[in-house]
PDB file of N, CA and C in Angstrom:
ATOM      1  N   MET A   1      -4.771 -19.768   4.228  1.00  0.00           N
ATOM      2  CA  MET A   1      -5.012 -19.173   3.004  1.00  0.00           C
ATOM      3  C   MET A   1      -3.963 -18.398   2.516  1.00  0.00           C
ATOM      4  N   THR A   2      -3.534 -17.454   3.544  1.00  0.00           N
ATOM      5  CA  THR A   2      -2.198 -16.562   3.288  1.00  0.00           C
ATOM      6  C   THR A   2      -0.960 -17.405   2.717  1.00  0.00           C
ATOM      7  N   LYS A   3      -0.823 -18.568   3.519  1.00  0.00           N
ATOM      8  CA  LYS A   3       0.296 -19.507   2.864  1.00  0.00           C
ATOM      9  C   LYS A   3       0.135 -19.973   1.464  1.00  0.00           C
ATOM     10  N   LEU A   4      -1.105 -20.175   1.167  1.00  0.00           N
ATOM     11  CA  LEU A   4      -1.289 -20.691  -0.264  1.00  0.00           C
ATOM     12  C   LEU A   4      -1.106 -19.477  -1.216  1.00  0.00           C
ATOM     13  N   VAL A   5      -1.495 -18.313  -0.887  1.00  0.00           N
ATOM     14  CA  VAL A   5      -1.147 -17.186  -1.841  1.00  0.00           C
ATOM     15  C   VAL A   5       0.323 -16.925  -2.044  1.00  0.00           C
ATOM     16  N   TRP A   6       0.894 -16.839  -0.980  1.00  0.00           N
ATOM     17  CA  TRP A   6       2.338 -16.829  -0.955  1.00  0.00           C
ATOM     18  C   TRP A   6       3.109 -17.815  -1.686  1.00  0.00           C
ATOM     19  N   ALA A   7       2.472 -18.927  -1.540  1.00  0.00           N
ATOM     20  CA  ALA A   7       3.056 -20.260  -2.319  1.00  0.00           C
ATOM     21  C   ALA A   7       2.968 -20.081  -3.711  1.00  0.00           C
ATOM     22  N   ILE A   8       1.966 -19.443  -4.311  1.00  0.00           N
ATOM     23  CA  ILE A   8       1.996 -19.071  -5.506  1.00  0.00           C
ATOM     24  C   ILE A   8       3.087 -18.318  -6.024  1.00  0.00           C
ATOM     25  N   VAL A   9       3.282 -17.238  -5.300  1.00  0.00           N
ATOM     26  CA  VAL A   9       4.599 -16.417  -5.578  1.00  0.00           C
ATOM     27  C   VAL A   9       5.848 -17.185  -5.596  1.00  0.00           C
ATOM     28  N   ALA A  10       6.002 -18.028  -4.564  1.00  0.00           N
ATOM     29  CA  ALA A  10       7.242 -18.762  -4.490  1.00  0.00           C
ATOM     30  C   ALA A  10       7.448 -19.778  -5.574  1.00  0.00           C
ATOM     31  N   GLY A  11       6.178 -20.396  -6.188  1.00  0.00           N
ATOM     32  CA  GLY A  11       6.303 -21.321  -7.176  1.00  0.00           C
ATOM     33  C   GLY A  11       6.395 -20.699  -8.453  1.00  0.00           C
ATOM     34  N   ALA A  12       6.460 -19.312  -8.614  1.00  0.00           N
ATOM     35  CA  ALA A  12       6.535 -18.834  -9.864  1.00  0.00           C
ATOM     36  C   ALA A  12       7.743 -19.254 -10.960  1.00  0.00           C
ATOM     37  N   LEU A  13       8.981 -19.406 -10.220  1.00  0.00           N
ATOM     38  CA  LEU A  13      10.033 -19.944 -11.110  1.00  0.00           C
ATOM     39  C   LEU A  13       9.891 -21.344 -11.609  1.00  0.00           C
ATOM     40  N   MET A  14       9.223 -22.255 -10.729  1.00  0.00           N
ATOM     41  CA  MET A  14       9.094 -23.603 -11.087  1.00  0.00           C
ATOM     42  C   MET A  14       7.783 -23.771 -11.840  1.00  0.00           C
ATOM     43  N   PHE A  15       6.873 -23.028 -11.811  1.00  0.00           N
ATOM     44  CA  PHE A  15       5.586 -23.210 -12.599  1.00  0.00           C
ATOM     45  C   PHE A  15       5.285 -22.606 -13.923  1.00  0.00           C
ATOM     46  N   SER A  16       6.059 -21.448 -14.130  1.00  0.00           N
ATOM     47  CA  SER A  16       5.812 -20.706 -15.424  1.00  0.00           C
ATOM     48  C   SER A  16       6.659 -21.168 -16.530  1.00  0.00           C
ATOM     49  N   SER A  17       6.195 -21.154 -17.744  1.00  0.00           N
ATOM     50  CA  SER A  17       6.901 -21.368 -18.756  1.00  0.00           C
ATOM     51  C   SER A  17       7.096 -20.392 -19.844  1.00  0.00           C
ATOM     52  N   GLY A  18       6.461 -19.374 -19.647  1.00  0.00           N
ATOM     53  CA  GLY A  18       6.386 -18.146 -20.611  1.00  0.00           C
ATOM     54  C   GLY A  18       5.624 -18.340 -21.851  1.00  0.00           C
ATOM     55  N   GLY A  19       5.468 -17.447 -22.765  1.00  0.00           N
ATOM     56  CA  GLY A  19       4.914 -17.604 -24.004  1.00  0.00           C
ATOM     57  C   GLY A  19       3.589 -16.592 -24.328  1.00  0.00           C
ATOM     58  N   VAL A  20       3.247 -15.976 -23.245  1.00  0.00           N
ATOM     59  CA  VAL A  20       2.140 -14.983 -23.585  1.00  0.00           C
ATOM     60  C   VAL A  20       2.740 -13.703 -23.545  1.00  0.00           C
ATOM     61  N   ALA A  21       2.263 -12.784 -24.457  1.00  0.00           N
ATOM     62  CA  ALA A  21       2.877 -11.408 -24.565  1.00  0.00           C
ATOM     63  C   ALA A  21       2.354 -10.745 -23.195  1.00  0.00           C
ATOM     64  N   ALA A  22       3.308  -9.795 -22.661  1.00  0.00           N
ATOM     65  CA  ALA A  22       2.991  -9.142 -21.566  1.00  0.00           C
ATOM     66  C   ALA A  22       1.695  -8.125 -21.683  1.00  0.00           C
ATOM     67  N   GLN A  23       0.649  -8.120 -20.643  1.00  0.00           N
ATOM     68  CA  GLN A  23      -0.293  -7.532 -20.706  1.00  0.00           C
ATOM     69  C   GLN A  23      -0.330  -6.429 -19.646  1.00  0.00           C
ATOM     70  N   THR A  24      -1.025  -5.363 -19.793  1.00  0.00           N
ATOM     71  CA  THR A  24      -0.929  -4.310 -18.724  1.00  0.00           C
ATOM     72  C   THR A  24      -2.263  -4.199 -17.886  1.00  0.00           C
ATOM     73  N   ARG A  25      -3.020  -4.983 -18.164  1.00  0.00           N
ATOM     74  CA  ARG A  25      -4.174  -5.030 -17.292  1.00  0.00           C
ATOM     75  C   ARG A  25      -4.835  -6.519 -17.059  1.00  0.00           C
ATOM     76  N   ALA A  26      -5.283  -6.840 -16.078  1.00  0.00           N
ATOM     77  CA  ALA A  26      -5.775  -8.257 -15.849  1.00  0.00           C
ATOM     78  C   ALA A  26      -7.128  -8.171 -14.791  1.00  0.00           C
ATOM     79  N   ASN A  27      -7.952  -8.967 -15.155  1.00  0.00           N
ATOM     80  CA  ASN A  27      -9.165  -9.113 -14.277  1.00  0.00           C
ATOM     81  C   ASN A  27      -8.835 -10.295 -13.355  1.00  0.00           C
ATOM     82  N   MET A  28      -8.341 -10.099 -12.141  1.00  0.00           N
ATOM     83  CA  MET A  28      -7.801 -11.251 -11.246  1.00  0.00           C
ATOM     84  C   MET A  28      -8.887 -12.299 -10.940  1.00  0.00           C
ATOM     85  N   ALA A  29     -10.155 -11.984 -11.122  1.00  0.00           N
ATOM     86  CA  ALA A  29     -11.215 -12.989 -10.831  1.00  0.00           C
ATOM     87  C   ALA A  29     -11.207 -13.947 -12.009  1.00  0.00           C
ATOM     88  N   LYS A  30     -10.724 -13.618 -13.132  1.00  0.00           N
ATOM     89  CA  LYS A  30     -10.870 -14.440 -14.195  1.00  0.00           C
ATOM     90  C   LYS A  30      -9.737 -15.052 -14.674  1.00  0.00           C
ATOM     91  N   ILE A  31      -8.587 -14.966 -13.996  1.00  0.00           N
ATOM     92  CA  ILE A  31      -7.375 -15.712 -14.361  1.00  0.00           C
ATOM     93  C   ILE A  31      -7.546 -17.368 -14.001  1.00  0.00           C
ATOM     94  N   THR A  32      -7.458 -18.128 -14.944  1.00  0.00           N
ATOM     95  CA  THR A  32      -7.577 -19.505 -14.718  1.00  0.00           C
ATOM     96  C   THR A  32      -6.123 -20.174 -14.420  1.00  0.00           C
ATOM     97  N   CYS A  33      -6.268 -21.258 -13.641  1.00  0.00           N
ATOM     98  CA  CYS A  33      -5.061 -21.962 -13.370  1.00  0.00           C
ATOM     99  C   CYS A  33      -4.162 -22.434 -14.778  1.00  0.00           C
ATOM    100  N   GLY A  34      -5.002 -22.669 -15.629  1.00  0.00           N
ATOM    101  CA  GLY A  34      -4.258 -23.062 -17.169  1.00  0.00           C
ATOM    102  C   GLY A  34      -3.544 -21.820 -17.615  1.00  0.00           C
ATOM    103  N   GLU A  35      -3.983 -20.628 -17.460  1.00  0.00           N
ATOM    104  CA  GLU A  35      -3.317 -19.353 -17.790  1.00  0.00           C
ATOM    105  C   GLU A  35      -2.114 -19.195 -17.027  1.00  0.00           C
ATOM    106  N   LEU A  36      -2.019 -19.702 -15.769  1.00  0.00           N
ATOM    107  CA  LEU A  36      -0.689 -19.461 -15.159  1.00  0.00           C
ATOM    108  C   LEU A  36       0.572 -20.022 -15.748  1.00  0.00           C
ATOM    109  N   SER A  37       0.284 -21.153 -16.500  1.00  0.00           N
ATOM    110  CA  SER A  37       1.561 -21.810 -17.087  1.00  0.00           C
ATOM    111  C   SER A  37       2.056 -21.049 -18.149  1.00  0.00           C
ATOM    112  N   ASP A  38       1.174 -20.131 -18.751  1.00  0.00           N
ATOM    113  CA  ASP A  38       1.533 -19.361 -19.972  1.00  0.00           C
ATOM    114  C   ASP A  38       2.214 -17.995 -19.782  1.00  0.00           C
ATOM    115  N   LEU A  39       2.288 -17.703 -18.376  1.00  0.00           N
ATOM    116  CA  LEU A  39       2.662 -16.449 -17.911  1.00  0.00           C
ATOM    117  C   LEU A  39       4.250 -16.131 -17.903  1.00  0.00           C
ATOM    118  N   TYR A  40       4.762 -15.180 -18.150  1.00  0.00           N
ATOM    119  CA  TYR A  40       6.225 -14.831 -17.790  1.00  0.00           C
ATOM    120  C   TYR A  40       6.359 -14.808 -16.268  1.00  0.00           C
ATOM    121  N   VAL A  41       7.487 -15.045 -15.649  1.00  0.00           N
ATOM    122  CA  VAL A  41       7.834 -14.959 -14.329  1.00  0.00           C
ATOM    123  C   VAL A  41       7.226 -13.795 -13.580  1.00  0.00           C
ATOM    124  N   GLU A  42       7.718 -12.598 -14.345  1.00  0.00           N
ATOM    125  CA  GLU A  42       7.323 -11.263 -13.817  1.00  0.00           C
ATOM    126  C   GLU A  42       5.864 -11.018 -13.646  1.00  0.00           C
ATOM    127  N   GLU A  43       5.094 -11.594 -14.624  1.00  0.00           N
ATOM    128  CA  GLU A  43       3.734 -11.487 -14.504  1.00  0.00           C
ATOM    129  C   GLU A  43       2.968 -12.417 -13.408  1.00  0.00           C
ATOM    130  N   PHE A  44       3.644 -13.608 -13.412  1.00  0.00           N
ATOM    131  CA  PHE A  44       3.199 -14.596 -12.305  1.00  0.00           C
ATOM    132  C   PHE A  44       3.342 -13.967 -10.827  1.00  0.00           C
ATOM    133  N   VAL A  45       4.660 -13.370 -10.720  1.00  0.00           N
ATOM    134  CA  VAL A  45       4.945 -12.805  -9.462  1.00  0.00           C
ATOM    135  C   VAL A  45       3.914 -11.582  -9.126  1.00  0.00           C
ATOM    136  N   VAL A  46       3.659 -10.844  -9.984  1.00  0.00           N
ATOM    137  CA  VAL A  46       2.555  -9.643  -9.886  1.00  0.00           C
ATOM    138  C   VAL A  46       1.287 -10.349  -9.403  1.00  0.00           C
ATOM    139  N   ILE A  47       0.938 -11.438 -10.168  1.00  0.00           N
ATOM    140  CA  ILE A  47      -0.394 -11.931  -9.794  1.00  0.00           C
ATOM    141  C   ILE A  47      -0.219 -12.540  -8.324  1.00  0.00           C
ATOM    142  N   GLY A  48       0.743 -13.094  -8.096  1.00  0.00           N
ATOM    143  CA  GLY A  48       0.877 -13.731  -6.769  1.00  0.00           C
ATOM    144  C   GLY A  48       0.912 -12.683  -5.677  1.00  0.00           C
ATOM    145  N   ALA A  49       1.564 -11.681  -5.787  1.00  0.00           N
ATOM    146  CA  ALA A  49       1.587 -10.524  -4.871  1.00  0.00           C
ATOM    147  C   ALA A  49       0.185  -9.964  -4.652  1.00  0.00           C
ATOM    148  N   TRP A  50      -0.650  -9.838  -5.887  1.00  0.00           N
ATOM    149  CA  TRP A  50      -1.870  -9.266  -5.667  1.00  0.00           C
ATOM    150  C   TRP A  50      -2.635 -10.038  -4.963  1.00  0.00           C
ATOM    151  N   MET A  51      -2.644 -11.494  -5.250  1.00  0.00           N
ATOM    152  CA  MET A  51      -3.429 -12.495  -4.551  1.00  0.00           C
ATOM    153  C   MET A  51      -3.241 -12.386  -3.007  1.00  0.00           C
ATOM    154  N   SER A  52      -1.992 -12.355  -2.670  1.00  0.00           N
ATOM    155  CA  SER A  52      -1.354 -12.437  -1.357  1.00  0.00           C
ATOM    156  C   SER A  52      -1.952 -11.099  -0.647  1.00  0.00           C
ATOM    157  N   GLY A  53      -1.899  -9.954  -1.312  1.00  0.00           N
ATOM    158  CA  GLY A  53      -2.331  -8.851  -0.659  1.00  0.00           C
ATOM    159  C   GLY A  53      -3.956  -8.910  -0.463  1.00  0.00           C
ATOM    160  N   TYR A  54      -4.650  -9.481  -1.356  1.00  0.00           N
ATOM    161  CA  TYR A  54      -6.003  -9.585  -1.432  1.00  0.00           C
ATOM    162  C   TYR A  54      -6.542 -10.419  -0.234  1.00  0.00           C
ATOM    163  N   TYR A  55      -5.983 -11.605  -0.112  1.00  0.00           N
ATOM    164  CA  TYR A  55      -6.274 -12.665   0.825  1.00  0.00           C
ATOM    165  C   TYR A  55      -5.835 -12.059   2.266  1.00  0.00           C
ATOM    166  N   ASN A  56      -4.639 -11.547   2.463  1.00  0.00           N
ATOM    167  CA  ASN A  56      -4.151 -11.084   3.530  1.00  0.00           C
ATOM    168  C   ASN A  56      -4.865  -9.938   4.194  1.00  0.00           C
ATOM    169  N   ALA A  57      -5.447  -9.214   3.321  1.00  0.00           N
ATOM    170  CA  ALA A  57      -6.353  -7.989   3.783  1.00  0.00           C
ATOM    171  C   ALA A  57      -7.587  -8.568   4.319  1.00  0.00           C
ATOM    172  N   LYS A  58      -8.136  -9.532   3.716  1.00  0.00           N
ATOM    173  CA  LYS A  58      -9.366 -10.237   3.969  1.00  0.00           C
ATOM    174  C   LYS A  58      -9.469 -10.675   5.503  1.00  0.00           C
ATOM    175  N   ARG A  59      -8.285 -11.284   5.742  1.00  0.00           N
ATOM    176  CA  ARG A  59      -8.031 -11.933   6.995  1.00  0.00           C
ATOM    177  C   ARG A  59      -7.205 -11.110   8.090  1.00  0.00           C
ATOM    178  N   ASN A  60      -6.947  -9.932   7.796  1.00  0.00           N
ATOM    179  CA  ASN A  60      -6.113  -9.071   8.695  1.00  0.00           C
ATOM    180  C   ASN A  60      -4.848  -9.886   9.114  1.00  0.00           C
ATOM    181  N   ASN A  61      -4.193 -10.594   8.269  1.00  0.00           N
ATOM    182  CA  ASN A  61      -2.866 -11.376   8.593  1.00  0.00           C
ATOM    183  C   ASN A  61      -1.788 -10.812   7.992  1.00  0.00           C
ATOM    184  N   THR A  62      -0.734 -10.650   8.910  1.00  0.00           N
ATOM    185  CA  THR A  62       0.624 -10.248   8.357  1.00  0.00           C
ATOM    186  C   THR A  62       1.737 -11.179   8.481  1.00  0.00           C
ATOM    187  N   ILE A  63       1.384 -12.309   8.836  1.00  0.00           N
ATOM    188  CA  ILE A  63       2.459 -13.477   9.198  1.00  0.00           C
ATOM    189  C   ILE A  63       2.553 -14.538   8.047  1.00  0.00           C
ATOM    190  N   VAL A  64       3.609 -14.727   7.734  1.00  0.00           N
ATOM    191  CA  VAL A  64       3.983 -15.744   6.773  1.00  0.00           C
ATOM    192  C   VAL A  64       4.779 -16.884   7.208  1.00  0.00           C
ATOM    193  N   ASP A  65       4.443 -18.327   7.320  1.00  0.00           N
ATOM    194  CA  ASP A  65       5.131 -19.252   7.802  1.00  0.00           C
ATOM    195  C   ASP A  65       6.088 -19.913   6.530  1.00  0.00           C
ATOM    196  N   VAL A  66       7.343 -19.509   6.655  1.00  0.00           N
ATOM    197  CA  VAL A  66       8.169 -19.836   5.708  1.00  0.00           C
ATOM    198  C   VAL A  66       8.236 -21.419   5.414  1.00  0.00           C
ATOM    199  N   LYS A  67       8.209 -22.085   6.446  1.00  0.00           N
ATOM    200  CA  LYS A  67       8.354 -23.676   6.452  1.00  0.00           C
ATOM    201  C   LYS A  67       7.324 -24.170   5.622  1.00  0.00           C
ATOM    202  N   GLN A  68       6.022 -23.580   5.558  1.00  0.00           N
ATOM    203  CA  GLN A  68       4.779 -24.121   5.042  1.00  0.00           C
ATOM    204  C   GLN A  68       4.845 -23.806   3.447  1.00  0.00           C
ATOM    205  N   LEU A  69       5.691 -22.731   3.063  1.00  0.00           N
ATOM    206  CA  LEU A  69       5.602 -22.306   1.581  1.00  0.00           C
ATOM    207  C   LEU A  69       5.675 -23.481   0.714  1.00  0.00           C
ATOM    208  N   ALA A  70       6.759 -24.118   0.723  1.00  0.00           N
ATOM    209  CA  ALA A  70       7.168 -25.352  -0.194  1.00  0.00           C
ATOM    210  C   ALA A  70       5.799 -26.219  -0.240  1.00  0.00           C
ATOM    211  N   ALA A  71       5.238 -26.655   0.833  1.00  0.00           N
ATOM    212  CA  ALA A  71       4.152 -27.765   0.873  1.00  0.00           C
ATOM    213  C   ALA A  71       2.983 -26.900   0.074  1.00  0.00           C
ATOM    214  N   ASN A  72       2.666 -25.692   0.521  1.00  0.00           N
ATOM    215  CA  ASN A  72       1.528 -24.951  -0.003  1.00  0.00           C
ATOM    216  C   ASN A  72       1.708 -24.670  -1.597  1.00  0.00           C
ATOM    217  N   THR A  73       3.002 -24.566  -1.961  1.00  0.00           N
ATOM    218  CA  THR A  73       3.270 -24.184  -3.403  1.00  0.00           C
ATOM    219  C   THR A  73       2.898 -25.467  -4.194  1.00  0.00           C
ATOM    220  N   ALA A  74       3.294 -26.680  -3.669  1.00  0.00           N
ATOM    221  CA  ALA A  74       3.129 -27.918  -4.263  1.00  0.00           C
ATOM    222  C   ALA A  74       1.601 -28.227  -4.323  1.00  0.00           C
ATOM    223  N   LYS A  75       0.765 -27.869  -3.419  1.00  0.00           N
ATOM    224  CA  LYS A  75      -0.666 -28.037  -3.341  1.00  0.00           C
ATOM    225  C   LYS A  75      -1.437 -27.129  -4.340  1.00  0.00           C
ATOM    226  N   VAL A  76      -0.991 -25.943  -4.560  1.00  0.00           N
ATOM    227  CA  VAL A  76      -1.457 -25.111  -5.493  1.00  0.00           C
ATOM    228  C   VAL A  76      -1.192 -25.552  -6.942  1.00  0.00           C
ATOM    229  N   MET A  77      -0.043 -26.007  -7.016  1.00  0.00           N
ATOM    230  CA  MET A  77       0.501 -26.357  -8.487  1.00  0.00           C
ATOM    231  C   MET A  77      -0.188 -27.452  -8.918  1.00  0.00           C
ATOM    232  N   ASP A  78      -0.350 -28.360  -7.894  1.00  0.00           N
ATOM    233  CA  ASP A  78      -1.106 -29.894  -8.174  1.00  0.00           C
ATOM    234  C   ASP A  78      -2.472 -29.556  -8.496  1.00  0.00           C
ATOM    235  N   PHE A  79      -3.077 -28.646  -7.710  1.00  0.00           N
ATOM    236  CA  PHE A  79      -4.514 -28.348  -8.129  1.00  0.00           C
ATOM    237  C   PHE A  79      -4.760 -27.855  -9.391  1.00  0.00           C
ATOM    238  N   CYS A  80      -3.656 -26.764  -9.673  1.00  0.00           N
ATOM    239  CA  CYS A  80      -3.987 -26.136 -10.899  1.00  0.00           C
ATOM    240  C   CYS A  80      -3.679 -26.888 -12.152  1.00  0.00           C
ATOM    241  N   LYS A  81      -2.823 -27.764 -12.119  1.00  0.00           N
ATOM    242  CA  LYS A  81      -2.490 -28.838 -13.111  1.00  0.00           C
ATOM    243  C   LYS A  81      -3.645 -29.631 -13.395  1.00  0.00           C
ATOM    244  N   LYS A  82      -4.340 -30.139 -12.446  1.00  0.00           N
ATOM    245  CA  LYS A  82      -5.503 -30.955 -12.600  1.00  0.00           C
ATOM    246  C   LYS A  82      -6.732 -30.245 -12.990  1.00  0.00           C
ATOM    247  N   ASN A  83      -6.727 -28.953 -12.576  1.00  0.00           N
ATOM    248  CA  ASN A  83      -8.182 -28.112 -12.874  1.00  0.00           C
ATOM    249  C   ASN A  83      -7.706 -26.736 -13.645  1.00  0.00           C
ATOM    250  N   PRO A  84      -7.262 -27.026 -14.830  1.00  0.00           N
ATOM    251  CA  PRO A  84      -6.735 -25.697 -15.580  1.00  0.00           C
ATOM    252  C   PRO A  84      -7.909 -24.727 -15.826  1.00  0.00           C
ATOM    253  N   LYS A  85      -9.092 -25.177 -15.838  1.00  0.00           N
ATOM    254  CA  LYS A  85     -10.231 -24.231 -16.195  1.00  0.00           C
ATOM    255  C   LYS A  85     -10.665 -23.454 -14.789  1.00  0.00           C
ATOM    256  N   VAL A  86     -10.289 -23.881 -13.702  1.00  0.00           N
ATOM    257  CA  VAL A  86     -10.709 -23.277 -12.408  1.00  0.00           C
ATOM    258  C   VAL A  86      -9.940 -21.881 -12.395  1.00  0.00           C
ATOM    259  N   THR A  87     -10.627 -20.972 -11.802  1.00  0.00           N
ATOM    260  CA  THR A  87      -9.936 -19.751 -11.733  1.00  0.00           C
ATOM    261  C   THR A  87      -8.757 -19.973 -10.488  1.00  0.00           C
ATOM    262  N   VAL A  88      -7.867 -18.927 -10.473  1.00  0.00           N
ATOM    263  CA  VAL A  88      -6.857 -19.124  -9.371  1.00  0.00           C
ATOM    264  C   VAL A  88      -7.454 -18.851  -8.151  1.00  0.00           C
ATOM    265  N   MET A  89      -8.454 -17.795  -8.079  1.00  0.00           N
ATOM    266  CA  MET A  89      -9.050 -17.314  -6.791  1.00  0.00           C
ATOM    267  C   MET A  89      -9.971 -18.515  -6.239  1.00  0.00           C
ATOM    268  N   LYS A  90     -10.658 -19.069  -7.225  1.00  0.00           N
ATOM    269  CA  LYS A  90     -11.480 -20.388  -6.684  1.00  0.00           C
ATOM    270  C   LYS A  90     -10.592 -21.472  -6.392  1.00  0.00           C
ATOM    271  N   ALA A  91      -9.407 -21.597  -6.921  1.00  0.00           N
ATOM    272  CA  ALA A  91      -8.529 -22.809  -6.479  1.00  0.00           C
ATOM    273  C   ALA A  91      -8.038 -22.362  -5.092  1.00  0.00           C
ATOM    274  N   ILE A  92      -7.596 -21.320  -4.893  1.00  0.00           N
ATOM    275  CA  ILE A  92      -7.081 -20.880  -3.380  1.00  0.00           C
ATOM    276  C   ILE A  92      -8.236 -20.969  -2.467  1.00  0.00           C
ATOM    277  N   GLU A  93      -9.389 -20.553  -2.807  1.00  0.00           N
ATOM    278  CA  GLU A  93     -10.599 -20.712  -1.816  1.00  0.00           C
ATOM    279  C   GLU A  93     -10.996 -22.192  -1.603  1.00  0.00           C
ATOM    280  N   LYS A  94     -10.917 -22.907  -2.616  1.00  0.00           N
ATOM    281  CA  LYS A  94     -11.193 -24.300  -2.483  1.00  0.00           C
ATOM    282  C   LYS A  94     -10.192 -25.090  -1.564  1.00  0.00           C
ATOM    283  N   LEU A  95      -8.820 -24.597  -1.754  1.00  0.00           N
ATOM    284  CA  LEU A  95      -7.789 -25.272  -0.967  1.00  0.00           C
ATOM    285  C   LEU A  95      -7.797 -24.844   0.435  1.00  0.00           C
ATOM    286  N   SER A  96      -8.147 -23.488   0.580  1.00  0.00           N
ATOM    287  CA  SER A  96      -8.291 -22.869   1.960  1.00  0.00           C
ATOM    288  C   SER A  96      -9.367 -23.558   2.657  1.00  0.00           C
ATOM    289  N   ALA A  97     -10.451 -23.727   2.077  1.00  0.00           N
ATOM    290  CA  ALA A  97     -11.627 -24.240   2.812  1.00  0.00           C
ATOM    291  C   ALA A  97     -11.296 -25.944   3.208  1.00  0.00           C
ATOM    292  N   ALA A  98     -10.676 -26.545   2.314  1.00  0.00           N
ATOM    293  CA  ALA A  98     -10.270 -27.917   2.664  1.00  0.00           C
ATOM    294  C   ALA A  98      -9.428 -27.984   3.984  1.00  0.00           C
ATOM    295  N   LYS A  99      -8.653 -26.981   4.265  1.00  0.00           N
ATOM    296  CA  LYS A  99      -7.700 -26.812   5.317  1.00  0.00           C
ATOM    297  C   LYS A  99      -8.372 -26.561   6.660  1.00  0.00           C
ATOM    298  N   GLU A 100      -9.617 -25.901   6.596  1.00  0.00           N
ATOM    299  CA  GLU A 100     -10.317 -25.394   7.648  1.00  0.00           C
ATOM    300  C   GLU A 100     -11.227 -26.508   8.287  1.00  0.00           C
TER     301      GLU A 100
END
């Protein structure tokens, strides 16, 4: 799961297209996959960093496998493109459950 969260951060440059005005607050549980494509890179990175911290803390994990980053990025991006109404947190949980 941690790898998937970091993959979101790594995929920021490839996945975001900009267009939404910068916000100062966000309910992380409500951000959808479809909304990710409307974020500025900076916003995308903040969301990815928050998600990474959240899921790493849940698993007490401090290790990131850099080789898996690209593959996990593709999985998250593919899932989100096909499921724009799903929240990002649900997407990560669903992808993580499929790996276990």
